[in-house]
Protein backbone atom coordinates (compact mmCIF):
# COMPACT_ATOMS: atom_id res chain seq x y z
CA MET A 1 61.67 54.75 -30.30
CA PRO A 2 62.11 58.54 -30.03
CA SER A 3 59.14 60.47 -28.72
CA ILE A 4 57.65 63.40 -30.62
CA GLN A 5 59.19 65.78 -28.10
CA ALA A 6 62.63 64.22 -28.56
CA VAL A 7 62.70 64.67 -32.34
CA SER A 8 64.27 67.96 -33.41
CA TYR A 9 64.07 68.91 -37.08
CA HIS A 10 66.27 71.43 -38.81
CA PRO A 11 63.98 74.41 -39.55
CA LEU A 12 64.89 74.46 -43.25
CA PHE A 13 64.22 70.75 -43.68
CA SER A 14 61.09 69.99 -41.69
CA SER A 15 58.38 69.92 -44.37
CA PRO A 16 55.85 67.12 -43.68
CA ASP A 17 55.58 66.65 -47.46
CA ALA A 18 59.21 65.50 -47.66
CA ASP A 19 59.29 61.72 -47.61
CA VAL A 20 62.85 60.82 -46.58
CA VAL A 21 64.17 61.41 -43.05
CA PHE A 22 67.82 61.73 -42.14
CA ARG A 23 69.54 62.16 -38.78
CA SER A 24 72.86 63.98 -38.41
CA SER A 25 75.68 62.94 -36.11
CA GLU A 26 74.41 65.60 -33.69
CA GLY A 27 70.91 64.09 -33.56
CA THR A 28 69.14 66.67 -35.72
CA TYR A 29 66.51 65.35 -38.14
CA TYR A 30 66.19 66.42 -41.78
CA ARG A 31 63.31 65.81 -44.15
CA MET A 32 64.24 65.68 -47.85
CA HIS A 33 62.10 65.05 -50.93
CA SER A 34 62.92 61.76 -52.59
CA PHE A 35 62.77 63.41 -56.01
CA VAL A 36 65.54 65.82 -55.00
CA LEU A 37 67.69 62.95 -53.76
CA TRP A 38 66.97 60.93 -56.89
CA THR A 39 68.01 63.70 -59.27
CA THR A 40 71.02 65.07 -57.37
CA SER A 41 72.70 62.12 -55.63
CA GLY A 42 74.14 59.02 -57.19
CA PHE A 43 74.56 57.58 -53.71
CA PHE A 44 70.89 57.77 -52.66
CA ARG A 45 69.40 57.00 -56.08
CA PRO A 46 69.69 53.20 -55.76
CA MET A 47 67.73 53.05 -52.52
CA LEU A 48 64.95 55.04 -54.18
CA SER A 49 64.99 53.21 -57.50
CA LEU A 50 61.97 51.38 -58.81
CA LYS A 51 64.18 48.38 -59.45
CA ASN A 52 65.03 47.99 -55.78
CA ILE A 53 61.39 48.41 -54.90
CA ALA A 54 60.36 45.73 -57.34
CA ASP A 55 63.08 43.35 -56.20
CA SER A 56 62.20 43.73 -52.55
CA GLY A 57 58.47 43.54 -53.13
CA SER A 58 57.74 46.55 -50.93
CA ARG A 59 59.14 49.99 -50.52
CA PRO A 60 60.98 50.64 -47.25
CA ASP A 61 59.46 53.38 -45.12
CA LEU A 62 62.07 56.12 -45.38
CA SER A 63 59.77 58.80 -43.96
CA SER A 64 59.56 57.34 -40.49
CA GLU A 65 61.12 59.19 -37.56
CA ASP A 66 61.48 55.81 -35.86
CA SER A 67 64.06 54.61 -38.38
CA PRO A 68 65.79 57.63 -39.95
CA ILE A 69 68.81 57.27 -42.22
CA ALA A 70 71.74 57.99 -39.93
CA LEU A 71 74.54 60.05 -41.50
CA ASP A 72 78.06 60.61 -40.19
CA GLU A 73 78.11 64.34 -40.95
CA ASN A 74 77.33 67.12 -38.48
CA ASP A 75 74.67 69.81 -38.87
CA GLY A 76 77.03 72.39 -40.37
CA VAL A 77 77.93 70.06 -43.23
CA LEU A 78 74.45 68.69 -43.89
CA GLU A 79 72.73 72.08 -43.83
CA ARG A 80 74.99 73.38 -46.59
CA LEU A 81 74.97 70.14 -48.58
CA PHE A 82 71.19 69.72 -48.51
CA SER A 83 70.70 73.44 -49.25
CA MET A 84 72.81 73.18 -52.40
CA MET A 85 71.05 69.98 -53.44
CA SER A 86 67.67 71.67 -52.95
CA GLY A 87 68.55 74.92 -54.74
CA MET A 88 68.34 77.00 -51.56
CA VAL A 89 70.43 80.02 -50.63
CA VAL A 90 73.83 79.02 -49.24
CA PRO A 91 75.49 81.38 -46.74
CA CYS A 92 79.00 82.67 -47.43
CA TRP A 93 81.69 80.21 -46.48
CA ASP A 94 83.53 80.94 -43.25
CA SER A 95 86.72 79.06 -44.04
CA LEU A 96 88.41 76.54 -46.29
CA GLU A 97 88.03 73.97 -43.50
CA GLU A 98 84.26 74.37 -43.63
CA MET A 99 84.23 74.19 -47.42
CA GLU A 100 86.42 71.11 -47.46
CA GLY A 101 84.15 69.30 -45.01
CA VAL A 102 81.14 69.86 -47.25
CA LEU A 103 83.16 68.93 -50.33
CA TYR A 104 84.10 65.60 -48.76
CA ALA A 105 80.42 64.88 -48.09
CA ALA A 106 79.45 65.98 -51.61
CA GLU A 107 81.92 63.51 -53.09
CA LYS A 108 80.90 60.79 -50.65
CA TYR A 109 77.23 61.05 -51.63
CA ASP A 110 78.02 61.58 -55.33
CA THR A 111 76.40 65.00 -55.68
CA PRO A 112 78.03 66.74 -58.66
CA GLY A 113 75.92 69.89 -58.25
CA PRO A 114 77.30 70.91 -54.84
CA THR A 115 80.78 69.86 -55.94
CA SER A 116 80.62 72.21 -58.93
CA ILE A 117 79.39 75.08 -56.73
CA ILE A 118 82.34 74.60 -54.37
CA ARG A 119 84.76 74.33 -57.28
CA SER A 120 83.54 77.68 -58.61
CA ALA A 121 83.77 79.38 -55.21
CA ILE A 122 87.20 78.12 -54.21
CA THR A 123 89.08 80.51 -56.50
CA SER A 124 87.75 83.60 -54.70
CA PRO A 125 90.47 85.86 -53.22
CA ARG A 126 89.68 84.94 -49.63
CA PHE A 127 90.46 81.27 -50.28
CA MET A 128 93.36 81.91 -52.64
CA ALA A 129 95.07 83.50 -49.65
CA ASP A 130 95.93 79.86 -48.87
CA PRO A 131 96.88 78.71 -52.38
CA LEU A 132 98.70 75.55 -51.31
CA ARG A 133 95.57 74.19 -49.71
CA VAL A 134 93.52 75.10 -52.78
CA TYR A 135 96.12 73.29 -54.92
CA ALA A 136 95.89 70.23 -52.66
CA ILE A 137 92.09 70.17 -52.91
CA ALA A 138 92.10 70.61 -56.69
CA ALA A 139 94.68 67.84 -57.09
CA ARG A 140 92.95 65.46 -54.69
CA TYR A 141 89.60 65.72 -56.47
CA HIS A 142 91.13 65.70 -59.97
CA TRP A 143 89.68 69.05 -60.95
CA GLU A 144 90.42 70.88 -64.20
CA GLU A 145 94.03 71.63 -65.11
CA TRP A 146 93.41 75.38 -65.27
CA LEU A 147 92.49 75.41 -61.59
CA LEU A 148 95.64 73.51 -60.67
CA GLN A 149 97.68 75.94 -62.76
CA TYR A 150 95.99 78.94 -61.15
CA ALA A 151 96.74 77.66 -57.65
CA ALA A 152 100.29 76.63 -58.59
CA GLU A 153 101.10 80.15 -59.78
CA ALA A 154 99.80 81.58 -56.50
CA CYS A 155 101.92 79.05 -54.59
CA LEU A 156 105.06 80.58 -56.10
CA ALA A 157 104.70 83.44 -53.63
CA ILE A 158 104.94 81.26 -50.51
CA PRO A 159 107.78 79.17 -49.02
CA ILE A 160 106.09 75.77 -49.22
CA HIS A 161 109.05 73.96 -47.65
CA GLN A 162 108.39 75.45 -44.23
CA GLN A 163 107.34 72.99 -41.54
CA LYS A 164 103.87 74.49 -41.20
CA HIS A 165 103.00 73.45 -44.76
CA VAL A 166 103.96 69.79 -44.34
CA PRO A 167 100.46 68.55 -43.35
CA VAL A 168 98.98 70.03 -46.53
CA LEU A 169 101.83 68.78 -48.73
CA LYS A 170 101.22 65.24 -47.49
CA ARG A 171 97.70 65.40 -48.90
CA VAL A 172 98.77 66.30 -52.43
CA PRO A 173 98.92 63.33 -54.84
CA THR A 174 102.53 62.44 -55.63
CA ASP A 175 102.66 63.47 -59.27
CA ASP A 176 100.92 66.79 -58.65
CA LEU A 177 103.28 67.51 -55.76
CA LEU A 178 106.29 66.79 -57.96
CA ARG A 179 104.86 69.00 -60.70
CA LEU A 180 104.63 71.89 -58.26
CA ILE A 181 108.15 71.31 -56.94
CA ASP A 182 109.52 70.96 -60.48
CA LEU A 183 108.02 74.31 -61.52
CA ARG A 184 109.53 76.07 -58.52
CA ARG A 185 112.94 74.48 -59.03
CA GLU A 186 112.92 75.23 -62.75
CA ARG A 187 112.18 78.90 -62.17
CA ARG A 188 114.95 79.14 -59.59
CA ASP A 189 117.55 77.44 -61.78
CA VAL A 190 116.64 79.33 -64.96
CA PHE A 191 116.88 82.61 -63.05
CA ILE A 192 120.29 81.80 -61.58
CA ASN A 193 121.62 80.75 -64.98
CA ALA A 194 120.29 83.98 -66.47
CA ILE A 195 121.97 86.32 -63.98
CA ASP A 196 125.21 84.36 -64.39
CA ASN A 197 125.15 85.10 -68.11
CA ALA A 198 128.26 87.19 -68.82
CA VAL A 199 126.73 88.69 -71.98
CA GLN A 200 123.50 89.68 -70.27
CA PHE A 201 125.33 91.62 -67.58
CA THR A 202 128.37 92.86 -69.49
CA ARG A 203 129.36 96.31 -68.25
CA LYS A 204 126.94 95.87 -65.39
CA CYS A 205 128.18 93.41 -62.78
CA ASN A 206 130.10 90.51 -64.29
CA THR A 207 133.12 92.27 -65.76
CA GLN A 208 136.46 91.78 -64.06
CA THR A 209 137.55 95.40 -64.34
CA CYS A 210 136.16 98.80 -63.49
CA GLY A 211 135.58 101.46 -66.13
CA CYS A 212 138.98 102.84 -65.24
CA GLY A 213 140.54 99.65 -66.60
CA LYS A 214 141.83 98.35 -63.30
CA ALA A 215 140.81 95.12 -61.62
CA THR A 216 138.09 95.28 -59.00
CA ASP A 217 136.42 92.67 -56.83
CA HIS A 218 132.77 91.77 -57.11
CA ARG A 219 132.02 90.60 -53.61
CA GLY A 220 128.96 92.82 -53.43
CA TRP A 221 127.44 91.30 -56.57
CA SER A 222 128.30 87.77 -55.44
CA ALA A 223 126.59 88.36 -52.11
CA LEU A 224 123.54 89.80 -53.84
CA LYS A 225 123.35 86.82 -56.22
CA LEU A 226 123.45 84.45 -53.27
CA ALA A 227 120.62 86.37 -51.60
CA MET A 228 118.60 86.25 -54.83
CA TYR A 229 119.19 82.51 -55.12
CA MET A 230 117.91 81.95 -51.60
CA GLU A 231 114.88 84.13 -52.27
CA MET A 232 114.02 82.28 -55.48
CA ASP A 233 114.45 78.97 -53.69
CA GLU A 234 111.86 79.99 -51.10
CA ARG A 235 109.53 82.19 -53.17
CA PRO A 236 110.18 81.78 -56.89
CA ILE A 237 107.51 84.31 -57.85
CA GLY A 238 110.29 86.93 -58.03
CA THR A 239 108.18 89.83 -56.77
CA VAL A 240 110.68 90.85 -54.11
CA LEU A 241 113.56 90.80 -56.58
CA ARG A 242 111.83 93.25 -58.88
CA ASN A 243 112.34 96.07 -56.39
CA MET A 244 114.26 94.61 -53.42
CA TYR A 245 112.12 96.74 -51.16
CA GLU A 246 111.83 94.44 -48.16
CA GLU A 247 113.78 95.41 -45.08
CA ASN A 248 115.94 92.27 -45.01
CA TRP A 249 117.14 93.09 -48.54
CA GLU A 250 118.49 96.53 -47.75
CA ALA A 251 121.93 95.41 -46.53
CA ALA A 252 122.74 93.11 -49.47
CA ALA A 253 121.34 95.48 -52.11
CA GLU A 254 122.94 98.62 -50.70
CA ALA A 255 126.31 96.88 -50.32
CA CYS A 256 126.19 96.03 -54.03
CA TRP A 257 124.88 99.33 -55.39
CA ASN A 258 127.20 101.43 -53.21
CA HIS A 259 130.36 99.48 -53.96
CA HIS A 260 133.11 101.81 -55.24
CA CYS A 261 136.24 101.00 -57.19
CA ARG A 262 139.19 101.25 -54.82
CA HIS A 263 141.30 102.79 -57.57
CA CYS A 264 139.14 105.53 -59.08
CA GLY A 265 136.29 105.76 -56.56
CA ARG A 266 133.48 105.44 -59.12
CA LEU A 267 130.49 103.15 -58.54
CA VAL A 268 131.19 99.70 -59.92
CA TYR A 269 127.53 98.78 -60.58
CA ASP A 270 124.87 100.55 -62.59
CA GLN A 271 121.85 99.95 -60.33
CA MET A 272 119.11 100.99 -62.78
CA ALA A 273 120.53 99.02 -65.71
CA THR A 274 121.18 95.93 -63.59
CA MET A 275 117.69 96.00 -62.04
CA LYS A 276 116.23 96.25 -65.54
CA CYS A 277 118.12 93.11 -66.55
CA ILE A 278 116.99 91.30 -63.40
CA ARG A 279 113.35 92.13 -64.14
CA LEU A 280 113.73 90.91 -67.71
CA CYS A 281 115.13 87.62 -66.40
CA ILE A 282 112.12 87.22 -64.09
CA ASP A 283 109.66 88.01 -66.91
CA LYS A 284 111.13 85.19 -69.02
CA LEU A 285 110.89 82.49 -66.35
CA PRO A 286 108.68 79.43 -67.05
CA LEU A 287 105.23 79.55 -65.51
CA ARG A 288 103.45 76.39 -66.64
CA LEU A 289 103.19 73.11 -64.80
CA ARG A 290 104.63 70.22 -66.74
CA PRO A 291 102.12 67.71 -68.20
CA LYS A 292 100.89 64.96 -65.92
CA VAL A 293 102.67 61.63 -66.10
């Protein structure tokens, strides 16, 4: 039996009027009002129900420090969870890891209020800096389709096939993972087919002759197309291709734009006109996730 000196209550949850006592995995005690638990948690409602009391013949003493309800969560998780359940101020989240820990507890204890608060906060810019993880969370908890779509569009800007993303990818439900991969692959393939269109790029890059009427090679354009394919395979958002401003693009782009006809010396490619066509191809790419199976 813990002594009075041994019991340490969380300062926000120490009211003697609260009639249910919990203990965290770190040994901290929390007092919560049974009415709050009844109205906000489907998990705790049965133990507080009048039916259980009637069936057992007597109400268990849930307010005793001698026999608190032991929970698996640490103080960081329980403080935020109980604060949201009680309508208290919740500090700003420090990380997605912290948010995900509380979300797991909110789902475990069937508390839709805290879950909805987290769902609303997760689309803030600081968390969307890791869109793949947001997508994984939204898919795992079967959140609204618009949130999945929002995260999927942000994921187009990152190379999700890199090894560092594998742990997160493993947590995405199979169909939602395939939907994300399908969108990326579709954008890549549609783009490549578009820039291979002879009509779209006539008198730009796909003709077999220079303006002087003599044959010319198109190695520069072929090399640039390969570079664009690789970029769209990794990051099918297409932002880099709109301007080709990144340092690792300078060699391929300059080799194409500065390619001269060996017969007349004129530039083979019209850079401004070709870039305009490339941007139009990107603007027409599909952006929606396919329907769920």
